[in-house]
Each structure stands twice: as C-alpha cells, then as structure tokens.
Amino acid sequence: MQVTRVILNNFRNIAAADVVLGAGINIIHGDNAQGKTNFLESVYLSSVGRSHRAGRDRDLVRLGEKTATSTVFVDAGHGTDKISTEIDKDGKKMWVNGLPIRRLGELFGHILCVIFSPEDLSLIKAGPQIRRRFMDMELCQLYPTYYHNLRMYYKVMKQRNNLLRDIGTNPKLSETLDVWDEQLVQYGSPIIDARKTFVAGLSQIANANQNQITGGRECLEITYKANVEQGNFTDKLIKHRHHDIQRKHTSIGIHKDDMEFHINHKDGRLYASQGQQRTAALSIKLAEIELIKKERGCTPILLLDDILSELDAKRQKFLMEKIEGMQSIITLTGAESHFETYANHTNTTVFHMEKGCVHIS
C-alpha cells in the first residue's frame, strides 16, 4: 500500500500543497511550527476519518478561510483510490472515488496507517480512555464490522443513560431497561471478543520486539482488562442497575475496559523506567504493523511524527531496520543530528517545509 499524492488547500496552516510521495522513506523536514505534523494529519484523517490530535473538525480550516480540502491518492495494488475531504464550520464531508461516505465505517480499509507520535510514548502511563482509543482505532481499520458494533454500542448506551436520568422522575420507566441491556450485550459482546483477540496477538509480537531491542533482557506482556465478560454481561448490568439509576449513568460495559503492560513481570505503570516505556511503545507500534500485514494481507503506511528525536540511537536503528521496504512519512527538524543519516538513505525522498509551503529538496 502506498500514498502516491496529497493535495491540500487551506488545511490548518497549509494554504496550498500538491505533493507526490516516493514509495520508500519520505522525509519532511523544517523548523518547528511550519506544518509538518499538519501534513501527516491529513493522511491519517483520510485513513480513519478523524485527526490523531484532539480538537474540532473546524480547527482544521486555515485561519481566515471558510473551507479546507484534502485529497489523498492511494495505490493498494488494485488501482488508485481517491479519498477526498471537505471541512467547513458545519463539520466534514468525505468521498471515496467520488462517492459520498455516509458512515465512517465505509472509509476504513482504503488507507491503512500506523501513526507514531511522541504522545504514544505515554501509552503505558496514560489513562484508560487513551488505551481504549488505541484498541478501537486499530480494530476499526482491521475489521469493518467492529466500527458498526462500536457505533451502535455507544448509541444504545447514550439512550440508556437518558433513560436512567428519566427514571428519577418516572420510576416505572425502569421496566424498559431490559430492552437497552439486551442491546448493550448484543453489540458489546463481539467487541469484547475482538479486543481480546487483538491484544493477545499484539502481546505476542510486541514481546518479541521488546526482547530483540533489549538483547533478551526484557519481556513485555500486554493483557486485556475487560470490565465484563460475555458470559456475565447481562447479570452484571442487572446487579448494578440500582447503582446506575442513582448515578444516572451506565457503570458496566466495554466503555470501562483497559489494557495492562507488564515489563519483566512488573506493572509498567508503576515500575517501568522512561527508557523501558519508550522501548515498549516502539515494540507495540511495530507490532501494529505486523498485525495489519497478517490480517489484511498488505503493508500499512507508517507515519512518524517527530518521533526519532525521542528515541536513542539504538532504538532508531531498530525502527529503521524494521520499516525497510515499506512506505513511511517522517517529520524531522533539519537541525537534528540524524537528519543527514536518513536523508541520504537509499530510496528516500526529502521535502522541506516552511510556513505551510512544502517542496522537494
């Protein structure tokens, strides 16, 4: 899989850009705050329909402009797909080969991406919401039905929470909770199964990476911490019903799931050093790539957002060796000591970015 061309207009600070990318390493270098991350963001947006950074869709529109557009061309081996996005004050619209995307699930799979940014280095010590998002973003790319189940689950949960609030003034409404509980279980159960399988596969590959990077000194185990199991989902919802009515929200379900990371059999959140956490994050991201290859039969595009400056020479070398032969888009500042090393790498295309303008070096 390869992104061949990216056309942007009024996308964040990028007034206009038309970039033809190489099949191997693509380096976008320049000073900070010039738009390098914005360029990566446009590719990721075309992959999953949302930014990897927090914020509203309208924040993607260049200051002073009414509309932003992004067009990304991708070759997945069966011809070229065109992913178009238009963002204005009312939100965003997307098209694939000219056909409108009615639901986000129709977008997943056209561009498979793995993004690695400095924020990912805090995956182990971040809150559970970040780890759930990590699972969901990957699983949505891997399995089209996952997004449908996830969307329906949160839709049902929202309706159940509205009902819990209404029960305070009309207790008889509690008799209808069974209907919503049944649907939570219906959509939540396959999510539990998919997350369990995903984390088990991720753990196996990431452990091999961790072991290799550290010369056999460290092992990494990732476990899925399900809030409920498929077999007791209904029972736990009923057991916590009184509590939910009092608190007016759903306290049981897949929206409370988490992941745990153990390095050398110790809780990574409590005992891992910063170096161990960074190694684990690298191991996990590289494991994502392998899982996509295995499940989808193609190599994803790797987006490295200023991550090389966060890794020492040993981890940089391991990363670059692992991504040999796949397309990557890497942002660097020209002042970084390793810039020349990667700029002169075989099969590398180098671009320079300044004040939102990008051109080949």
Foldseek 3Di string as FASTA:
>chain_A
DDWAWKWKDQFALAHTDIDGDFFAEEEEAADPPQCQVSVVQLLVCLAQVDGPDDDAQQNRGYPPDFKMKMWIWDCQPPDIKIWIWMQGPVGIWIDINNHTDPDSLVRAQNAFEFEDEPVLLCVQQDDQVSQVVVLLSLVSNQDSVLVVLVVQLVVLQVVLLVLLAVCVVPVVSVVVSVVSLVSNLVSQQVNVVSSQVVQVLLQVQLQVQLCVLVVNPKGKGKGKAAQDHSVCSSVVQVVCVVVCSVVSGRPGGRSPIGMFMAMVNHTCNPDNDSLSSNSSSLSSSLSSQVVCCVRVVGGHEYEYEQCVVVDDPSSNVSNVVSSPPGHYYYYYYPPDPCPVVVCPDPSYWYWYGGSNYIDTD
